Amino acid sequence: MRTPQDITIDRALLVYLLHLAEPYGFMSDVKFQQLLFLSELFMFGKNLKGFHFEFMRFAYGAFSKEADNDLLFLRRKERLENFTPTEQAQPVIELVEQVAQSTDVNQQIMDILLETVKVHGPRDNSEIIKAVEAIELSPADRPDQKLAIRDISFHSILLVPSRIEVVGEWTVPPQQLKQLNAALGA
């Protein structure tokens, strides 16, 4: 379960991910969810936590209802227009860039976001879905067994951040957390 601080971090990083993806053109719900999933998965692969979204297997790859709800919130607060950050989102983007520089872990997470968008941002929906569905995951009770996402039944849980141990996590100093909440319209 996400804490209020987790939600603030998730929304701020979500805005920033969409800011990074903007130069690559058309963004859809499917592409957005896959970029988000890949970013979070790559972070966990480096024992880092930035996002706190749970993902399940859906018809078009990975899907997070929490991320979908956060998108709706950000649109209602006019921080996003469809998938494009608005002028009102600019303070969020600037604060994320400041916070990224505050710790080595935050910078590593930012590097993962940048690399994920650079590699997968240019892909169309079908290409990014194939990339996600080819990823192999291990069940928690059988870490030696690997199963491609495409072979996992629909609506199965793929990723639960609260169950994953990491060595570093995105942190925001209290003053900047207040600023982020204000900038997000929370």
N, C-alpha and C. Protein backbone atom coordinates (compact mmCIF):
# COMPACT_ATOMS: atom_id res chain seq x y z
N MET A 1 0.84 -1.18 0.00
CA MET A 1 0.00 0.00 0.00
C MET A 1 0.89 1.25 0.00
N ARG A 2 0.59 2.17 -0.90
CA ARG A 2 1.39 3.38 -1.02
C ARG A 2 1.07 4.37 0.09
N THR A 3 2.11 4.98 0.62
CA THR A 3 1.94 6.04 1.61
C THR A 3 1.68 7.36 0.88
N PRO A 4 1.22 8.39 1.59
CA PRO A 4 1.05 9.69 0.93
C PRO A 4 2.35 10.20 0.28
N GLN A 5 3.48 9.96 0.93
CA GLN A 5 4.77 10.36 0.34
C GLN A 5 5.05 9.57 -0.93
N ASP A 6 4.76 8.26 -0.91
CA ASP A 6 4.93 7.43 -2.11
C ASP A 6 4.09 7.97 -3.27
N ILE A 7 2.86 8.36 -2.97
CA ILE A 7 1.96 8.87 -4.01
C ILE A 7 2.51 10.15 -4.61
N THR A 8 3.01 11.04 -3.77
CA THR A 8 3.62 12.28 -4.27
C THR A 8 4.80 11.98 -5.18
N ILE A 9 5.67 11.09 -4.73
CA ILE A 9 6.84 10.71 -5.53
C ILE A 9 6.40 10.09 -6.85
N ASP A 10 5.45 9.16 -6.79
CA ASP A 10 4.96 8.51 -8.01
C ASP A 10 4.40 9.51 -9.00
N ARG A 11 3.59 10.44 -8.52
CA ARG A 11 2.99 11.43 -9.42
C ARG A 11 4.04 12.35 -10.03
N ALA A 12 4.99 12.76 -9.22
CA ALA A 12 6.05 13.65 -9.72
C ALA A 12 6.91 12.92 -10.77
N LEU A 13 7.31 11.68 -10.48
CA LEU A 13 8.12 10.93 -11.43
C LEU A 13 7.32 10.58 -12.68
N LEU A 14 6.02 10.36 -12.52
CA LEU A 14 5.15 10.09 -13.66
C LEU A 14 5.12 11.29 -14.61
N VAL A 15 4.96 12.49 -14.05
CA VAL A 15 4.99 13.71 -14.87
C VAL A 15 6.33 13.81 -15.58
N TYR A 16 7.40 13.50 -14.85
CA TYR A 16 8.73 13.62 -15.44
C TYR A 16 8.94 12.58 -16.55
N LEU A 17 8.46 11.36 -16.34
CA LEU A 17 8.56 10.34 -17.38
C LEU A 17 7.86 10.81 -18.65
N LEU A 18 6.68 11.38 -18.52
CA LEU A 18 5.95 11.88 -19.69
C LEU A 18 6.66 13.07 -20.33
N HIS A 19 7.29 13.89 -19.51
CA HIS A 19 8.11 15.00 -20.03
C HIS A 19 9.25 14.45 -20.89
N LEU A 20 9.91 13.40 -20.41
CA LEU A 20 11.01 12.79 -21.16
C LEU A 20 10.53 12.15 -22.46
N ALA A 21 9.33 11.57 -22.43
CA ALA A 21 8.80 10.84 -23.59
C ALA A 21 8.20 11.76 -24.64
N GLU A 22 7.93 13.00 -24.29
CA GLU A 22 7.26 13.94 -25.20
C GLU A 22 7.93 14.07 -26.57
N PRO A 23 9.25 14.16 -26.66
CA PRO A 23 9.88 14.30 -27.98
C PRO A 23 9.66 13.11 -28.93
N TYR A 24 9.24 11.97 -28.38
CA TYR A 24 9.07 10.78 -29.21
C TYR A 24 7.68 10.67 -29.83
N GLY A 25 6.87 11.69 -29.62
CA GLY A 25 5.59 11.72 -30.31
C GLY A 25 4.47 11.02 -29.59
N PHE A 26 3.59 10.44 -30.37
CA PHE A 26 2.33 9.88 -29.90
C PHE A 26 2.51 8.97 -28.69
N MET A 27 1.70 9.23 -27.67
CA MET A 27 1.67 8.41 -26.46
C MET A 27 0.25 7.90 -26.29
N SER A 28 0.12 6.64 -26.00
CA SER A 28 -1.18 6.04 -25.73
C SER A 28 -1.17 5.46 -24.33
N ASP A 29 -2.35 5.04 -23.86
CA ASP A 29 -2.43 4.38 -22.55
C ASP A 29 -1.53 3.16 -22.50
N VAL A 30 -1.55 2.38 -23.57
CA VAL A 30 -0.77 1.15 -23.61
C VAL A 30 0.73 1.46 -23.54
N LYS A 31 1.18 2.36 -24.38
CA LYS A 31 2.60 2.70 -24.40
C LYS A 31 3.04 3.30 -23.06
N PHE A 32 2.21 4.17 -22.52
CA PHE A 32 2.52 4.78 -21.22
C PHE A 32 2.69 3.72 -20.14
N GLN A 33 1.73 2.80 -20.05
CA GLN A 33 1.79 1.76 -19.02
C GLN A 33 3.05 0.89 -19.18
N GLN A 34 3.42 0.59 -20.44
CA GLN A 34 4.58 -0.26 -20.67
C GLN A 34 5.88 0.48 -20.32
N LEU A 35 5.97 1.77 -20.68
CA LEU A 35 7.15 2.57 -20.32
C LEU A 35 7.30 2.64 -18.80
N LEU A 36 6.20 2.85 -18.14
CA LEU A 36 6.20 2.94 -16.68
C LEU A 36 6.64 1.60 -16.06
N PHE A 37 6.06 0.52 -16.55
CA PHE A 37 6.42 -0.81 -16.05
C PHE A 37 7.90 -1.11 -16.28
N LEU A 38 8.37 -0.85 -17.48
CA LEU A 38 9.79 -1.11 -17.78
C LEU A 38 10.70 -0.27 -16.89
N SER A 39 10.35 0.99 -16.69
CA SER A 39 11.16 1.86 -15.82
C SER A 39 11.24 1.29 -14.41
N GLU A 40 10.09 0.92 -13.88
CA GLU A 40 10.06 0.39 -12.52
C GLU A 40 10.82 -0.94 -12.43
N LEU A 41 10.62 -1.80 -13.40
CA LEU A 41 11.29 -3.09 -13.41
C LEU A 41 12.81 -2.93 -13.51
N PHE A 42 13.28 -2.02 -14.36
CA PHE A 42 14.72 -1.78 -14.49
C PHE A 42 15.30 -1.20 -13.21
N MET A 43 14.52 -0.37 -12.52
CA MET A 43 14.99 0.15 -11.22
C MET A 43 15.19 -1.00 -10.24
N PHE A 44 14.19 -1.89 -10.17
CA PHE A 44 14.32 -3.03 -9.26
C PHE A 44 15.48 -3.93 -9.66
N GLY A 45 15.75 -4.01 -10.95
CA GLY A 45 16.89 -4.79 -11.42
C GLY A 45 18.22 -4.25 -10.91
N LYS A 46 18.24 -2.97 -10.57
CA LYS A 46 19.44 -2.33 -10.00
C LYS A 46 19.31 -2.17 -8.49
N ASN A 47 18.32 -2.85 -7.89
CA ASN A 47 18.05 -2.78 -6.45
C ASN A 47 17.68 -1.37 -5.99
N LEU A 48 16.95 -0.67 -6.84
CA LEU A 48 16.52 0.69 -6.53
C LEU A 48 15.00 0.79 -6.66
N LYS A 49 14.43 1.73 -5.91
CA LYS A 49 12.99 1.95 -6.00
C LYS A 49 12.73 3.43 -6.23
N GLY A 50 12.03 3.70 -7.31
CA GLY A 50 11.58 5.06 -7.60
C GLY A 50 10.07 5.09 -7.51
N PHE A 51 9.42 4.34 -8.41
CA PHE A 51 7.96 4.22 -8.41
C PHE A 51 7.52 3.17 -7.39
N HIS A 52 6.23 3.24 -7.03
CA HIS A 52 5.64 2.30 -6.07
C HIS A 52 4.38 1.66 -6.64
N PHE A 53 4.28 1.54 -7.95
CA PHE A 53 3.07 1.04 -8.60
C PHE A 53 3.07 -0.48 -8.65
N GLU A 54 1.92 -1.08 -8.32
CA GLU A 54 1.72 -2.50 -8.53
C GLU A 54 1.23 -2.70 -9.96
N PHE A 55 1.68 -3.77 -10.60
CA PHE A 55 1.28 -4.06 -11.98
C PHE A 55 0.70 -5.46 -12.07
N MET A 56 -0.27 -5.59 -12.96
CA MET A 56 -0.85 -6.90 -13.27
C MET A 56 -0.72 -7.15 -14.76
N ARG A 57 -0.86 -8.40 -15.15
CA ARG A 57 -0.83 -8.79 -16.55
C ARG A 57 -2.18 -8.44 -17.16
N PHE A 58 -2.13 -7.73 -18.26
CA PHE A 58 -3.33 -7.29 -18.95
C PHE A 58 -3.23 -7.71 -20.41
N ALA A 59 -4.27 -7.49 -21.15
CA ALA A 59 -4.31 -7.91 -22.56
C ALA A 59 -3.17 -7.31 -23.38
N TYR A 60 -2.73 -6.12 -23.02
CA TYR A 60 -1.68 -5.45 -23.79
C TYR A 60 -0.43 -5.23 -22.94
N GLY A 61 -0.03 -6.25 -22.21
CA GLY A 61 1.18 -6.15 -21.41
C GLY A 61 0.88 -5.93 -19.95
N ALA A 62 1.62 -5.02 -19.33
CA ALA A 62 1.48 -4.73 -17.90
C ALA A 62 0.55 -3.53 -17.71
N PHE A 63 -0.19 -3.55 -16.60
CA PHE A 63 -1.12 -2.46 -16.31
C PHE A 63 -1.15 -2.19 -14.81
N SER A 64 -1.16 -0.90 -14.45
CA SER A 64 -1.27 -0.49 -13.06
C SER A 64 -2.50 0.40 -12.91
N LYS A 65 -3.44 -0.04 -12.09
CA LYS A 65 -4.64 0.77 -11.81
C LYS A 65 -4.24 2.02 -11.03
N GLU A 66 -3.23 1.90 -10.14
CA GLU A 66 -2.77 3.06 -9.37
C GLU A 66 -2.22 4.14 -10.30
N ALA A 67 -1.44 3.73 -11.29
CA ALA A 67 -0.90 4.70 -12.25
C ALA A 67 -2.02 5.32 -13.06
N ASP A 68 -3.00 4.52 -13.43
CA ASP A 68 -4.14 5.03 -14.18
C ASP A 68 -4.90 6.07 -13.35
N ASN A 69 -5.08 5.80 -12.06
CA ASN A 69 -5.73 6.77 -11.17
C ASN A 69 -4.91 8.04 -11.01
N ASP A 70 -3.58 7.89 -10.93
CA ASP A 70 -2.72 9.07 -10.82
C ASP A 70 -2.77 9.92 -12.08
N LEU A 71 -2.86 9.28 -13.24
CA LEU A 71 -3.03 10.03 -14.50
C LEU A 71 -4.30 10.86 -14.45
N LEU A 72 -5.38 10.24 -14.00
CA LEU A 72 -6.67 10.94 -13.90
C LEU A 72 -6.56 12.13 -12.95
N PHE A 73 -5.91 11.93 -11.81
CA PHE A 73 -5.70 13.02 -10.85
C PHE A 73 -4.94 14.17 -11.50
N LEU A 74 -3.84 13.85 -12.18
CA LEU A 74 -3.00 14.88 -12.79
C LEU A 74 -3.73 15.62 -13.91
N ARG A 75 -4.59 14.93 -14.61
CA ARG A 75 -5.40 15.59 -15.64
C ARG A 75 -6.43 16.51 -15.01
N ARG A 76 -7.06 16.07 -13.94
CA ARG A 76 -8.05 16.91 -13.25
C ARG A 76 -7.41 18.17 -12.67
N LYS A 77 -6.18 18.02 -12.20
CA LYS A 77 -5.44 19.16 -11.64
C LYS A 77 -4.74 19.98 -12.73
N GLU A 78 -4.99 19.62 -13.98
CA GLU A 78 -4.46 20.31 -15.15
C GLU A 78 -2.93 20.33 -15.21
N ARG A 79 -2.32 19.24 -14.70
CA ARG A 79 -0.87 19.09 -14.81
C ARG A 79 -0.53 18.31 -16.08
N LEU A 80 -1.53 17.58 -16.59
CA LEU A 80 -1.37 16.86 -17.84
C LEU A 80 -2.57 17.15 -18.74
N GLU A 81 -2.28 17.25 -20.02
CA GLU A 81 -3.33 17.28 -21.03
C GLU A 81 -3.11 16.03 -21.86
N ASN A 82 -4.01 15.07 -21.66
CA ASN A 82 -3.85 13.73 -22.19
C ASN A 82 -2.55 13.16 -21.59
N PHE A 83 -1.46 13.04 -22.36
CA PHE A 83 -0.19 12.54 -21.82
C PHE A 83 0.92 13.61 -21.88
N THR A 84 0.54 14.84 -22.10
CA THR A 84 1.52 15.91 -22.24
C THR A 84 1.51 16.81 -21.00
N PRO A 85 2.67 16.99 -20.37
CA PRO A 85 2.72 17.92 -19.25
C PRO A 85 2.34 19.33 -19.70
N THR A 86 1.52 19.99 -18.90
CA THR A 86 1.08 21.35 -19.20
C THR A 86 2.07 22.35 -18.61
N GLU A 87 1.80 23.61 -18.85
CA GLU A 87 2.64 24.67 -18.27
C GLU A 87 2.59 24.61 -16.74
N GLN A 88 1.43 24.21 -16.20
CA GLN A 88 1.30 24.09 -14.74
C GLN A 88 2.15 22.97 -14.17
N ALA A 89 2.62 22.06 -15.01
CA ALA A 89 3.47 20.96 -14.56
C ALA A 89 4.94 21.35 -14.53
N GLN A 90 5.29 22.48 -15.09
CA GLN A 90 6.69 22.90 -15.16
C GLN A 90 7.37 22.95 -13.79
N PRO A 91 6.71 23.48 -12.73
CA PRO A 91 7.36 23.45 -11.42
C PRO A 91 7.64 22.03 -10.92
N VAL A 92 6.78 21.08 -11.25
CA VAL A 92 7.01 19.67 -10.88
C VAL A 92 8.28 19.17 -11.57
N ILE A 93 8.38 19.42 -12.85
CA ILE A 93 9.54 18.98 -13.64
C ILE A 93 10.83 19.58 -13.06
N GLU A 94 10.79 20.86 -12.75
CA GLU A 94 11.98 21.53 -12.20
C GLU A 94 12.36 20.97 -10.83
N LEU A 95 11.36 20.69 -9.99
CA LEU A 95 11.64 20.13 -8.67
C LEU A 95 12.21 18.72 -8.77
N VAL A 96 11.68 17.91 -9.68
CA VAL A 96 12.21 16.55 -9.87
C VAL A 96 13.68 16.64 -10.30
N GLU A 97 14.00 17.57 -11.19
CA GLU A 97 15.40 17.72 -11.62
C GLU A 97 16.29 18.15 -10.47
N GLN A 98 15.79 19.01 -9.58
CA GLN A 98 16.57 19.43 -8.40
C GLN A 98 16.78 18.25 -7.46
N VAL A 99 15.70 17.53 -7.17
CA VAL A 99 15.77 16.40 -6.24
C VAL A 99 16.67 15.30 -6.80
N ALA A 100 16.68 15.14 -8.11
CA ALA A 100 17.53 14.11 -8.74
C ALA A 100 18.99 14.34 -8.42
N GLN A 101 19.37 15.58 -8.27
CA GLN A 101 20.77 15.92 -8.01
C GLN A 101 21.14 15.83 -6.53
N SER A 102 20.15 15.60 -5.66
CA SER A 102 20.40 15.65 -4.22
C SER A 102 21.08 14.40 -3.67
N THR A 103 20.93 13.24 -4.34
CA THR A 103 21.59 12.01 -3.86
C THR A 103 22.05 11.18 -5.06
N ASP A 104 23.02 10.31 -4.81
CA ASP A 104 23.49 9.40 -5.87
C ASP A 104 22.39 8.45 -6.30
N VAL A 105 21.59 7.97 -5.34
CA VAL A 105 20.50 7.04 -5.67
C VAL A 105 19.48 7.73 -6.58
N ASN A 106 19.10 8.96 -6.23
CA ASN A 106 18.15 9.69 -7.08
C ASN A 106 18.70 9.87 -8.48
N GLN A 107 19.98 10.14 -8.59
CA GLN A 107 20.59 10.32 -9.91
C GLN A 107 20.60 9.00 -10.69
N GLN A 108 20.87 7.91 -10.01
CA GLN A 108 20.83 6.60 -10.67
C GLN A 108 19.42 6.29 -11.18
N ILE A 109 18.42 6.61 -10.39
CA ILE A 109 17.02 6.39 -10.80
C ILE A 109 16.70 7.27 -12.00
N MET A 110 17.15 8.50 -11.98
CA MET A 110 16.93 9.40 -13.11
C MET A 110 17.60 8.85 -14.36
N ASP A 111 18.80 8.31 -14.22
CA ASP A 111 19.50 7.72 -15.37
C ASP A 111 18.72 6.55 -15.95
N ILE A 112 18.10 5.73 -15.08
CA ILE A 112 17.28 4.61 -15.55
C ILE A 112 16.07 5.13 -16.32
N LEU A 113 15.42 6.17 -15.81
CA LEU A 113 14.28 6.77 -16.52
C LEU A 113 14.71 7.26 -17.90
N LEU A 114 15.81 7.99 -17.94
CA LEU A 114 16.31 8.53 -19.21
C LEU A 114 16.62 7.41 -20.20
N GLU A 115 17.29 6.38 -19.74
CA GLU A 115 17.67 5.27 -20.63
C GLU A 115 16.44 4.49 -21.11
N THR A 116 15.49 4.27 -20.21
CA THR A 116 14.27 3.55 -20.59
C THR A 116 13.52 4.30 -21.67
N VAL A 117 13.36 5.60 -21.49
CA VAL A 117 12.64 6.40 -22.49
C VAL A 117 13.43 6.48 -23.78
N LYS A 118 14.75 6.59 -23.69
CA LYS A 118 15.58 6.66 -24.89
C LYS A 118 15.45 5.39 -25.73
N VAL A 119 15.44 4.24 -25.07
CA VAL A 119 15.37 2.96 -25.78
C VAL A 119 13.95 2.65 -26.24
N HIS A 120 12.98 2.84 -25.37
CA HIS A 120 11.62 2.38 -25.66
C HIS A 120 10.66 3.49 -26.11
N GLY A 121 11.02 4.75 -25.89
CA GLY A 121 10.16 5.86 -26.32
C GLY A 121 9.86 5.87 -27.81
N PRO A 122 10.85 5.59 -28.67
CA PRO A 122 10.59 5.61 -30.11
C PRO A 122 9.72 4.44 -30.61
N ARG A 123 9.54 3.41 -29.79
CA ARG A 123 8.79 2.23 -30.23
C ARG A 123 7.29 2.52 -30.32
N ASP A 124 6.64 1.84 -31.26
CA ASP A 124 5.18 1.95 -31.31
C ASP A 124 4.59 0.92 -30.34
N ASN A 125 3.26 0.94 -30.22
CA ASN A 125 2.59 0.07 -29.26
C ASN A 125 2.95 -1.39 -29.42
N SER A 126 2.89 -1.90 -30.64
CA SER A 126 3.13 -3.34 -30.84
C SER A 126 4.57 -3.71 -30.47
N GLU A 127 5.53 -2.86 -30.78
CA GLU A 127 6.93 -3.15 -30.46
C GLU A 127 7.17 -3.16 -28.95
N ILE A 128 6.60 -2.19 -28.26
CA ILE A 128 6.83 -2.12 -26.82
C ILE A 128 6.09 -3.24 -26.09
N ILE A 129 4.92 -3.62 -26.60
CA ILE A 129 4.19 -4.76 -26.01
C ILE A 129 5.02 -6.03 -26.15
N LYS A 130 5.59 -6.26 -27.34
CA LYS A 130 6.42 -7.45 -27.56
C LYS A 130 7.63 -7.45 -26.62
N ALA A 131 8.23 -6.28 -26.42
CA ALA A 131 9.39 -6.19 -25.53
C ALA A 131 9.00 -6.55 -24.09
N VAL A 132 7.86 -6.04 -23.65
CA VAL A 132 7.41 -6.33 -22.28
C VAL A 132 7.03 -7.80 -22.15
N GLU A 133 6.28 -8.31 -23.09
CA GLU A 133 5.80 -9.69 -22.99
C GLU A 133 6.93 -10.71 -23.08
N ALA A 134 8.07 -10.34 -23.61
CA ALA A 134 9.22 -11.24 -23.69
C ALA A 134 10.01 -11.30 -22.37
N ILE A 135 9.78 -10.35 -21.49
CA ILE A 135 10.50 -10.33 -20.21
C ILE A 135 10.12 -11.55 -19.39
N GLU A 136 11.12 -12.15 -18.79
CA GLU A 136 10.89 -13.32 -17.94
C GLU A 136 10.93 -12.91 -16.48
N LEU A 137 9.93 -13.36 -15.74
CA LEU A 137 9.84 -13.11 -14.30
C LEU A 137 9.87 -14.43 -13.56
N SER A 138 10.26 -14.37 -12.29
CA SER A 138 10.26 -15.55 -11.43
C SER A 138 9.17 -15.41 -10.38
N PRO A 139 8.39 -16.48 -10.16
CA PRO A 139 7.41 -16.43 -9.07
C PRO A 139 8.14 -16.30 -7.73
N ALA A 140 7.52 -15.61 -6.79
CA ALA A 140 8.15 -15.38 -5.48
C ALA A 140 8.45 -16.69 -4.77
N ASP A 141 7.59 -17.70 -4.95
CA ASP A 141 7.78 -18.97 -4.26
C ASP A 141 8.73 -19.92 -4.99
N ARG A 142 9.10 -19.56 -6.25
CA ARG A 142 10.02 -20.39 -7.03
C ARG A 142 10.99 -19.50 -7.81
N PRO A 143 11.95 -18.89 -7.14
CA PRO A 143 12.85 -17.95 -7.82
C PRO A 143 13.72 -18.58 -8.91
N ASP A 144 13.86 -19.90 -8.92
CA ASP A 144 14.65 -20.57 -9.95
C ASP A 144 13.88 -20.77 -11.24
N GLN A 145 12.57 -20.62 -11.20
CA GLN A 145 11.73 -20.80 -12.39
C GLN A 145 11.48 -19.44 -13.05
N LYS A 146 11.58 -19.40 -14.39
CA LYS A 146 11.34 -18.17 -15.13
C LYS A 146 10.15 -18.40 -16.07
N LEU A 147 9.34 -17.35 -16.21
CA LEU A 147 8.17 -17.41 -17.07
C LEU A 147 8.04 -16.09 -17.82
N ALA A 148 7.94 -16.15 -19.13
CA ALA A 148 7.76 -14.93 -19.92
C ALA A 148 6.40 -14.32 -19.59
N ILE A 149 6.34 -13.01 -19.56
CA ILE A 149 5.09 -12.33 -19.24
C ILE A 149 3.97 -12.76 -20.18
N ARG A 150 4.28 -12.99 -21.45
CA ARG A 150 3.23 -13.40 -22.40
C ARG A 150 2.60 -14.73 -22.01
N ASP A 151 3.29 -15.54 -21.18
CA ASP A 151 2.79 -16.83 -20.76
C ASP A 151 2.11 -16.80 -19.39
N ILE A 152 2.04 -15.63 -18.79
CA ILE A 152 1.38 -15.47 -17.50
C ILE A 152 -0.09 -15.13 -17.77
N SER A 153 -0.98 -15.74 -17.02
CA SER A 153 -2.41 -15.53 -17.28
C SER A 153 -2.82 -14.09 -16.95
N PHE A 154 -3.82 -13.63 -17.69
CA PHE A 154 -4.32 -12.26 -17.51
C PHE A 154 -4.78 -12.04 -16.07
N HIS A 155 -4.59 -10.83 -15.62
CA HIS A 155 -5.00 -10.36 -14.29
C HIS A 155 -4.13 -10.92 -13.17
N SER A 156 -3.05 -11.62 -13.51
CA SER A 156 -2.10 -12.06 -12.50
C SER A 156 -1.23 -10.88 -12.10
N ILE A 157 -0.85 -10.85 -10.86
CA ILE A 157 0.00 -9.77 -10.38
C ILE A 157 1.43 -10.02 -10.86
N LEU A 158 2.02 -8.99 -11.46
CA LEU A 158 3.39 -9.09 -11.98
C LEU A 158 4.42 -8.45 -11.06
N LEU A 159 4.01 -7.37 -10.42
CA LEU A 159 4.99 -6.57 -9.67
C LEU A 159 4.33 -5.95 -8.45
N VAL A 160 4.91 -6.22 -7.27
CA VAL A 160 4.42 -5.65 -6.02
C VAL A 160 5.62 -5.01 -5.32
N PRO A 161 5.79 -3.71 -5.48
CA PRO A 161 6.98 -3.03 -4.94
C PRO A 161 7.18 -3.21 -3.43
N SER A 162 6.09 -3.27 -2.67
CA SER A 162 6.23 -3.39 -1.22
C SER A 162 6.87 -4.71 -0.81
N ARG A 163 6.90 -5.68 -1.69
CA ARG A 163 7.50 -6.98 -1.39
C ARG A 163 8.95 -7.11 -1.86
N ILE A 164 9.46 -6.07 -2.48
CA ILE A 164 10.80 -6.13 -3.06
C ILE A 164 11.78 -5.33 -2.20
N GLU A 165 12.84 -6.00 -1.79
CA GLU A 165 13.87 -5.33 -1.00
C GLU A 165 14.84 -4.63 -1.94
N VAL A 166 15.20 -3.41 -1.60
CA VAL A 166 16.12 -2.62 -2.40
C VAL A 166 17.20 -2.03 -1.51
N VAL A 167 18.28 -1.58 -2.13
CA VAL A 167 19.36 -0.95 -1.37
C VAL A 167 19.25 0.56 -1.39
N GLY A 168 18.45 1.10 -2.31
CA GLY A 168 18.29 2.55 -2.39
C GLY A 168 16.93 2.92 -2.92
N GLU A 169 16.44 4.06 -2.46
CA GLU A 169 15.11 4.52 -2.86
C GLU A 169 15.14 6.02 -3.11
N TRP A 170 14.29 6.48 -4.07
CA TRP A 170 14.15 7.91 -4.36
C TRP A 170 13.70 8.61 -3.08
N THR A 171 14.43 9.61 -2.69
CA THR A 171 14.08 10.36 -1.48
C THR A 171 13.91 11.83 -1.82
N VAL A 172 13.03 12.46 -1.05
CA VAL A 172 12.75 13.88 -1.23
C VAL A 172 12.84 14.54 0.14
N PRO A 173 13.69 15.56 0.29
CA PRO A 173 13.74 16.28 1.56
C PRO A 173 12.37 16.89 1.90
N PRO A 174 12.04 17.00 3.20
CA PRO A 174 10.70 17.46 3.61
C PRO A 174 10.25 18.78 2.97
N GLN A 175 11.14 19.74 2.87
CA GLN A 175 10.74 21.03 2.29
C GLN A 175 10.37 20.87 0.81
N GLN A 176 11.15 20.09 0.08
CA GLN A 176 10.85 19.89 -1.33
C GLN A 176 9.62 19.00 -1.52
N LEU A 177 9.36 18.12 -0.55
CA LEU A 177 8.14 17.30 -0.61
C LEU A 177 6.91 18.21 -0.52
N LYS A 178 6.95 19.18 0.36
CA LYS A 178 5.85 20.16 0.46
C LYS A 178 5.69 20.93 -0.83
N GLN A 179 6.81 21.32 -1.41
CA GLN A 179 6.77 22.05 -2.69
C GLN A 179 6.19 21.18 -3.80
N LEU A 180 6.59 19.91 -3.83
CA LEU A 180 6.06 18.99 -4.83
C LEU A 180 4.55 18.81 -4.68
N ASN A 181 4.09 18.64 -3.45
CA ASN A 181 2.65 18.51 -3.22
C ASN A 181 1.90 19.73 -3.73
N ALA A 182 2.43 20.91 -3.45
CA ALA A 182 1.80 22.13 -3.93
C ALA A 182 1.82 22.21 -5.45
N ALA A 183 2.96 21.86 -6.03
CA ALA A 183 3.10 21.93 -7.49
C ALA A 183 2.19 20.91 -8.20
N LEU A 184 1.91 19.79 -7.52
CA LEU A 184 1.03 18.77 -8.08
C LEU A 184 -0.45 19.09 -7.87
N GLY A 185 -0.72 20.11 -7.05
CA GLY A 185 -2.10 20.48 -6.78
C GLY A 185 -2.74 19.61 -5.73
N ALA A 186 -1.91 18.94 -4.91
CA ALA A 186 -2.44 18.05 -3.88
C ALA A 186 -2.90 18.80 -2.65
